[in-house]
Amino acid sequence: MNGRNRTGLCGRSAAGGRRAGHSRSGFTLLELLVVLAIIGLSAFLVGPRIADSLSNMEFVSAVKKVAASLRYARNRAAVERIPCRAKVDFGENRLVIVCGDGETEEGEEAKGAGDKEYRLPKGVRWSRVIREEEEWDSGTAEILFLPSGGSSGGIVLMKNDRERVYEISVDFVTGMVSLKEAGDEGV
């Protein structure tokens, strides 16, 4: 022999078998099926939680946008020294901010520069609006922001499809807007 081993150049023995000490690489069909079953089970268990989480994030985002719109109305009323009204429209599922007199000669609502409208996303709705001794769960409720910085005050309750409730409070003296998650008593 000329110094070469019997395995030859391609790593196989002269008899055509595998090299000693090397095992076959790869996975068996059973191993792949077990891994796929584990992945499927995890997706089945985790998937609904992710969907719930996304729905709750959309709800909290809508609540924060409504609170920001109310703060906008308060600030605009104080800075421009004009009254601003926040109208909660239960039928259209929207919030409309109108500043100034906001009325045309025909009595229809005028859209002025800086007036805002925010429509609630699907799955989010108004639950109730409470102001002093009045309460609305349909129609249109209104919170008035005064040039002095005060307001008519009130509580706006918002709810999602999973019956989670948030409360947005408007202080009648300062017009400050705050929000918190409400318990079952807020429904």
C-alpha atoms as a PDB file:
ATOM      1  CA  MET A   1       0.000   0.000   0.000  1.00  0.00           C
ATOM      2  CA  ASN A   2       1.077   3.508  -0.560  1.00  0.00           C
ATOM      3  CA  GLY A   3       0.249   4.872   2.940  1.00  0.00           C
ATOM      4  CA  ARG A   4      -3.460   5.473   2.457  1.00  0.00           C
ATOM      5  CA  ASN A   5      -5.948   3.869   4.788  1.00  0.00           C
ATOM      6  CA  ARG A   6      -8.586   1.480   3.548  1.00  0.00           C
ATOM      7  CA  THR A   7     -11.451   3.997   3.845  1.00  0.00           C
ATOM      8  CA  GLY A   8     -10.462   5.708   0.679  1.00  0.00           C
ATOM      9  CA  LEU A   9     -11.030   9.361  -0.200  1.00  0.00           C
ATOM     10  CA  CYS A  10     -14.738   9.663   0.533  1.00  0.00           C
ATOM     11  CA  GLY A  11     -14.696   8.413   4.121  1.00  0.00           C
ATOM     12  CA  ARG A  12     -16.341   5.030   3.502  1.00  0.00           C
ATOM     13  CA  SER A  13     -14.816   1.700   4.151  1.00  0.00           C
ATOM     14  CA  ALA A  14     -13.873  -0.527   1.326  1.00  0.00           C
ATOM     15  CA  ALA A  15     -16.938  -2.635   2.097  1.00  0.00           C
ATOM     16  CA  GLY A  16     -19.259   0.359   1.531  1.00  0.00           C
ATOM     17  CA  GLY A  17     -20.354   0.860   5.182  1.00  0.00           C
ATOM     18  CA  ARG A  18     -20.108   3.952   7.357  1.00  0.00           C
ATOM     19  CA  ARG A  19     -16.989   5.106   9.046  1.00  0.00           C
ATOM     20  CA  ALA A  20     -16.599   3.719  12.532  1.00  0.00           C
ATOM     21  CA  GLY A  21     -17.617   6.188  15.316  1.00  0.00           C
ATOM     22  CA  HIS A  22     -20.006   8.281  13.163  1.00  0.00           C
ATOM     23  CA  SER A  23     -23.785   8.060  13.535  1.00  0.00           C
ATOM     24  CA  ARG A  24     -26.461   9.067  11.088  1.00  0.00           C
ATOM     25  CA  SER A  25     -27.482  12.742  11.377  1.00  0.00           C
ATOM     26  CA  GLY A  26     -31.084  14.060  11.164  1.00  0.00           C
ATOM     27  CA  PHE A  27     -34.363  13.516  12.981  1.00  0.00           C
ATOM     28  CA  THR A  28     -36.781  10.663  12.815  1.00  0.00           C
ATOM     29  CA  LEU A  29     -40.366  11.202  11.747  1.00  0.00           C
ATOM     30  CA  LEU A  30     -41.544  10.469  15.291  1.00  0.00           C
ATOM     31  CA  GLU A  31     -39.283  13.177  16.742  1.00  0.00           C
ATOM     32  CA  LEU A  32     -40.598  15.718  14.223  1.00  0.00           C
ATOM     33  CA  LEU A  33     -44.220  14.811  15.000  1.00  0.00           C
ATOM     34  CA  VAL A  34     -43.626  15.223  18.755  1.00  0.00           C
ATOM     35  CA  VAL A  35     -42.102  18.685  18.215  1.00  0.00           C
ATOM     36  CA  LEU A  36     -44.984  19.731  15.948  1.00  0.00           C
ATOM     37  CA  ALA A  37     -47.518  18.511  18.533  1.00  0.00           C
ATOM     38  CA  ILE A  38     -45.803  20.567  21.254  1.00  0.00           C
ATOM     39  CA  ILE A  39     -45.785  23.678  19.036  1.00  0.00           C
ATOM     40  CA  GLY A  40     -49.459  23.170  18.149  1.00  0.00           C
ATOM     41  CA  LEU A  41     -50.454  22.731  21.794  1.00  0.00           C
ATOM     42  CA  SER A  42     -48.573  25.891  22.828  1.00  0.00           C
ATOM     43  CA  ALA A  43     -50.241  27.902  20.049  1.00  0.00           C
ATOM     44  CA  PHE A  44     -53.628  26.556  21.145  1.00  0.00           C
ATOM     45  CA  LEU A  45     -53.024  27.599  24.752  1.00  0.00           C
ATOM     46  CA  VAL A  46     -51.237  30.931  24.154  1.00  0.00           C
ATOM     47  CA  GLY A  47     -53.159  32.182  21.089  1.00  0.00           C
ATOM     48  CA  PRO A  48     -56.355  33.300  22.892  1.00  0.00           C
ATOM     49  CA  ARG A  49     -54.321  35.131  25.533  1.00  0.00           C
ATOM     50  CA  ILE A  50     -52.513  37.104  22.845  1.00  0.00           C
ATOM     51  CA  ALA A  51     -55.860  37.979  21.205  1.00  0.00           C
ATOM     52  CA  ASP A  52     -57.259  39.116  24.583  1.00  0.00           C
ATOM     53  CA  SER A  53     -54.161  41.180  25.199  1.00  0.00           C
ATOM     54  CA  LEU A  54     -54.455  42.916  21.809  1.00  0.00           C
ATOM     55  CA  SER A  55     -58.147  43.632  22.404  1.00  0.00           C
ATOM     56  CA  ASN A  56     -57.399  45.110  25.835  1.00  0.00           C
ATOM     57  CA  MET A  57     -54.585  47.234  24.403  1.00  0.00           C
ATOM     58  CA  GLU A  58     -56.968  48.655  21.794  1.00  0.00           C
ATOM     59  CA  PHE A  59     -59.532  49.389  24.533  1.00  0.00           C
ATOM     60  CA  VAL A  60     -57.027  51.131  26.809  1.00  0.00           C
ATOM     61  CA  SER A  61     -55.753  53.113  23.821  1.00  0.00           C
ATOM     62  CA  ALA A  62     -59.317  54.284  23.037  1.00  0.00           C
ATOM     63  CA  VAL A  63     -59.859  55.307  26.684  1.00  0.00           C
ATOM     64  CA  LYS A  64     -56.625  57.304  26.647  1.00  0.00           C
ATOM     65  CA  LYS A  65     -57.599  59.023  23.387  1.00  0.00           C
ATOM     66  CA  VAL A  66     -60.968  60.054  24.853  1.00  0.00           C
ATOM     67  CA  ALA A  67     -59.242  61.386  27.998  1.00  0.00           C
ATOM     68  CA  ALA A  68     -56.747  63.281  25.814  1.00  0.00           C
ATOM     69  CA  SER A  69     -59.623  64.756  23.773  1.00  0.00           C
ATOM     70  CA  LEU A  70     -61.314  65.954  26.969  1.00  0.00           C
ATOM     71  CA  ARG A  71     -58.018  67.505  28.125  1.00  0.00           C
ATOM     72  CA  TYR A  72     -57.743  69.180  24.718  1.00  0.00           C
ATOM     73  CA  ALA A  73     -61.213  70.692  25.172  1.00  0.00           C
ATOM     74  CA  ARG A  74     -60.310  71.972  28.650  1.00  0.00           C
ATOM     75  CA  ASN A  75     -57.015  73.483  27.490  1.00  0.00           C
ATOM     76  CA  ARG A  76     -58.514  75.058  24.396  1.00  0.00           C
ATOM     77  CA  ALA A  77     -61.334  76.624  26.434  1.00  0.00           C
ATOM     78  CA  ALA A  78     -58.850  78.105  28.919  1.00  0.00           C
ATOM     79  CA  VAL A  79     -56.296  79.326  26.354  1.00  0.00           C
ATOM     80  CA  GLU A  80     -58.733  80.781  23.814  1.00  0.00           C
ATOM     81  CA  ARG A  81     -61.156  81.977  26.530  1.00  0.00           C
ATOM     82  CA  ILE A  82     -64.133  80.334  24.823  1.00  0.00           C
ATOM     83  CA  PRO A  83     -66.450  77.566  26.046  1.00  0.00           C
ATOM     84  CA  CYS A  84     -65.885  74.088  24.632  1.00  0.00           C
ATOM     85  CA  ARG A  85     -68.370  71.235  24.696  1.00  0.00           C
ATOM     86  CA  ALA A  86     -67.517  67.549  24.667  1.00  0.00           C
ATOM     87  CA  LYS A  87     -70.479  65.649  23.251  1.00  0.00           C
ATOM     88  CA  VAL A  88     -70.689  61.920  23.906  1.00  0.00           C
ATOM     89  CA  ASP A  89     -72.847  60.474  21.137  1.00  0.00           C
ATOM     90  CA  PHE A  90     -74.108  57.019  22.144  1.00  0.00           C
ATOM     91  CA  GLY A  91     -75.840  56.368  18.800  1.00  0.00           C
ATOM     92  CA  GLU A  92     -72.808  57.101  16.616  1.00  0.00           C
ATOM     93  CA  ASN A  93     -70.301  55.820  19.213  1.00  0.00           C
ATOM     94  CA  ARG A  94     -68.216  58.984  18.975  1.00  0.00           C
ATOM     95  CA  LEU A  95     -66.957  61.987  20.917  1.00  0.00           C
ATOM     96  CA  VAL A  96     -67.247  65.434  19.336  1.00  0.00           C
ATOM     97  CA  ILE A  97     -65.416  68.496  20.699  1.00  0.00           C
ATOM     98  CA  VAL A  98     -66.979  71.810  19.643  1.00  0.00           C
ATOM     99  CA  CYS A  99     -65.556  75.148  20.801  1.00  0.00           C
ATOM    100  CA  GLY A 100     -67.083  78.612  20.613  1.00  0.00           C
ATOM    101  CA  ASP A 101     -70.779  78.937  19.959  1.00  0.00           C
ATOM    102  CA  GLY A 102     -70.577  75.959  17.566  1.00  0.00           C
ATOM    103  CA  GLU A 103     -74.027  76.606  16.096  1.00  0.00           C
ATOM    104  CA  THR A 104     -75.022  77.743  12.612  1.00  0.00           C
ATOM    105  CA  GLU A 105     -78.119  79.837  11.907  1.00  0.00           C
ATOM    106  CA  GLU A 106     -80.117  76.679  11.136  1.00  0.00           C
ATOM    107  CA  GLY A 107     -79.234  75.276  14.572  1.00  0.00           C
ATOM    108  CA  GLU A 108     -76.923  72.615  13.164  1.00  0.00           C
ATOM    109  CA  GLU A 109     -73.551  71.962  14.653  1.00  0.00           C
ATOM    110  CA  ALA A 110     -70.765  73.926  12.949  1.00  0.00           C
ATOM    111  CA  LYS A 111     -67.342  72.377  12.539  1.00  0.00           C
ATOM    112  CA  GLY A 112     -64.797  75.069  13.324  1.00  0.00           C
ATOM    113  CA  ALA A 113     -61.039  75.015  13.048  1.00  0.00           C
ATOM    114  CA  GLY A 114     -59.655  72.887  15.840  1.00  0.00           C
ATOM    115  CA  ASP A 115     -62.932  71.058  16.530  1.00  0.00           C
ATOM    116  CA  LYS A 116     -62.383  67.315  16.895  1.00  0.00           C
ATOM    117  CA  GLU A 117     -64.294  64.128  16.356  1.00  0.00           C
ATOM    118  CA  TYR A 118     -63.172  60.751  17.633  1.00  0.00           C
ATOM    119  CA  ARG A 119     -65.015  57.541  16.747  1.00  0.00           C
ATOM    120  CA  LEU A 120     -64.585  54.630  19.109  1.00  0.00           C
ATOM    121  CA  PRO A 121     -63.065  51.477  17.595  1.00  0.00           C
ATOM    122  CA  LYS A 122     -65.125  48.348  17.078  1.00  0.00           C
ATOM    123  CA  GLY A 123     -65.703  46.501  20.333  1.00  0.00           C
ATOM    124  CA  VAL A 124     -65.519  49.671  22.467  1.00  0.00           C
ATOM    125  CA  ARG A 125     -68.623  51.580  23.512  1.00  0.00           C
ATOM    126  CA  TRP A 126     -69.933  54.177  25.928  1.00  0.00           C
ATOM    127  CA  SER A 127     -71.511  52.657  29.011  1.00  0.00           C
ATOM    128  CA  ARG A 128     -72.867  55.731  30.816  1.00  0.00           C
ATOM    129  CA  VAL A 129     -72.241  59.410  31.406  1.00  0.00           C
ATOM    130  CA  ILE A 130     -73.039  60.778  34.850  1.00  0.00           C
ATOM    131  CA  ARG A 131     -73.175  64.506  35.624  1.00  0.00           C
ATOM    132  CA  GLU A 132     -74.471  65.767  38.962  1.00  0.00           C
ATOM    133  CA  GLU A 133     -77.861  64.106  39.274  1.00  0.00           C
ATOM    134  CA  GLU A 134     -78.277  63.357  35.569  1.00  0.00           C
ATOM    135  CA  GLU A 135     -77.342  60.105  33.885  1.00  0.00           C
ATOM    136  CA  TRP A 136     -77.246  59.093  30.214  1.00  0.00           C
ATOM    137  CA  ASP A 137     -76.906  55.692  28.595  1.00  0.00           C
ATOM    138  CA  SER A 138     -78.317  56.713  25.208  1.00  0.00           C
ATOM    139  CA  GLY A 139     -78.719  59.818  23.095  1.00  0.00           C
ATOM    140  CA  THR A 140     -76.114  62.551  23.535  1.00  0.00           C
ATOM    141  CA  ALA A 141     -74.499  63.656  26.785  1.00  0.00           C
ATOM    142  CA  GLU A 142     -72.458  66.839  27.086  1.00  0.00           C
ATOM    143  CA  ILE A 143     -69.648  68.085  29.310  1.00  0.00           C
ATOM    144  CA  LEU A 144     -69.008  71.826  29.172  1.00  0.00           C
ATOM    145  CA  PHE A 145     -65.501  73.263  29.637  1.00  0.00           C
ATOM    146  CA  LEU A 146     -65.436  76.922  30.696  1.00  0.00           C
ATOM    147  CA  PRO A 147     -62.918  79.666  29.832  1.00  0.00           C
ATOM    148  CA  SER A 148     -62.084  79.902  33.563  1.00  0.00           C
ATOM    149  CA  GLY A 149     -60.685  76.343  33.477  1.00  0.00           C
ATOM    150  CA  GLY A 150     -63.650  74.788  35.248  1.00  0.00           C
ATOM    151  CA  SER A 151     -66.268  72.513  33.760  1.00  0.00           C
ATOM    152  CA  SER A 152     -69.728  71.090  34.269  1.00  0.00           C
ATOM    153  CA  GLY A 153     -67.923  67.984  35.543  1.00  0.00           C
ATOM    154  CA  GLY A 154     -68.958  64.406  35.049  1.00  0.00           C
ATOM    155  CA  ILE A 155     -67.972  60.784  34.774  1.00  0.00           C
ATOM    156  CA  VAL A 156     -67.734  58.939  31.470  1.00  0.00           C
ATOM    157  CA  LEU A 157     -67.809  55.148  31.660  1.00  0.00           C
ATOM    158  CA  MET A 158     -66.475  53.159  28.720  1.00  0.00           C
ATOM    159  CA  LYS A 159     -66.802  49.406  28.192  1.00  0.00           C
ATOM    160  CA  ASN A 160     -65.379  46.829  25.811  1.00  0.00           C
ATOM    161  CA  ASP A 161     -66.826  43.538  24.516  1.00  0.00           C
ATOM    162  CA  ARG A 162     -65.286  41.664  27.431  1.00  0.00           C
ATOM    163  CA  GLU A 163     -67.179  43.951  29.842  1.00  0.00           C
ATOM    164  CA  ARG A 164     -64.000  45.612  31.096  1.00  0.00           C
ATOM    165  CA  VAL A 165     -64.892  49.143  32.284  1.00  0.00           C
ATOM    166  CA  TYR A 166     -62.850  52.349  32.523  1.00  0.00           C
ATOM    167  CA  GLU A 167     -63.957  55.534  34.239  1.00  0.00           C
ATOM    168  CA  ILE A 168     -62.930  58.975  32.991  1.00  0.00           C
ATOM    169  CA  SER A 169     -63.635  61.684  35.570  1.00  0.00           C
ATOM    170  CA  VAL A 170     -63.836  65.412  34.852  1.00  0.00           C
ATOM    171  CA  ASP A 171     -63.565  67.582  37.969  1.00  0.00           C
ATOM    172  CA  PHE A 172     -66.202  70.345  37.951  1.00  0.00           C
ATOM    173  CA  VAL A 173     -64.006  72.897  39.783  1.00  0.00           C
ATOM    174  CA  THR A 174     -60.697  72.487  37.946  1.00  0.00           C
ATOM    175  CA  GLY A 175     -61.814  70.711  34.760  1.00  0.00           C
ATOM    176  CA  MET A 176     -58.962  68.223  35.279  1.00  0.00           C
ATOM    177  CA  VAL A 177     -59.420  64.861  33.566  1.00  0.00           C
ATOM    178  CA  SER A 178     -58.376  61.598  35.214  1.00  0.00           C
ATOM    179  CA  LEU A 179     -58.979  57.961  34.382  1.00  0.00           C
ATOM    180  CA  LYS A 180     -58.986  54.652  36.193  1.00  0.00           C
ATOM    181  CA  GLU A 181     -60.169  51.121  35.683  1.00  0.00           C
ATOM    182  CA  ALA A 182     -63.598  50.729  37.265  1.00  0.00           C
ATOM    183  CA  GLY A 183     -64.772  47.649  39.111  1.00  0.00           C
ATOM    184  CA  ASP A 184     -68.191  46.045  38.835  1.00  0.00           C
ATOM    185  CA  GLU A 185     -69.759  48.977  40.698  1.00  0.00           C
ATOM    186  CA  GLY A 186     -68.954  51.208  37.700  1.00  0.00           C
ATOM    187  CA  VAL A 187     -71.196  49.261  35.333  1.00  0.00           C
END
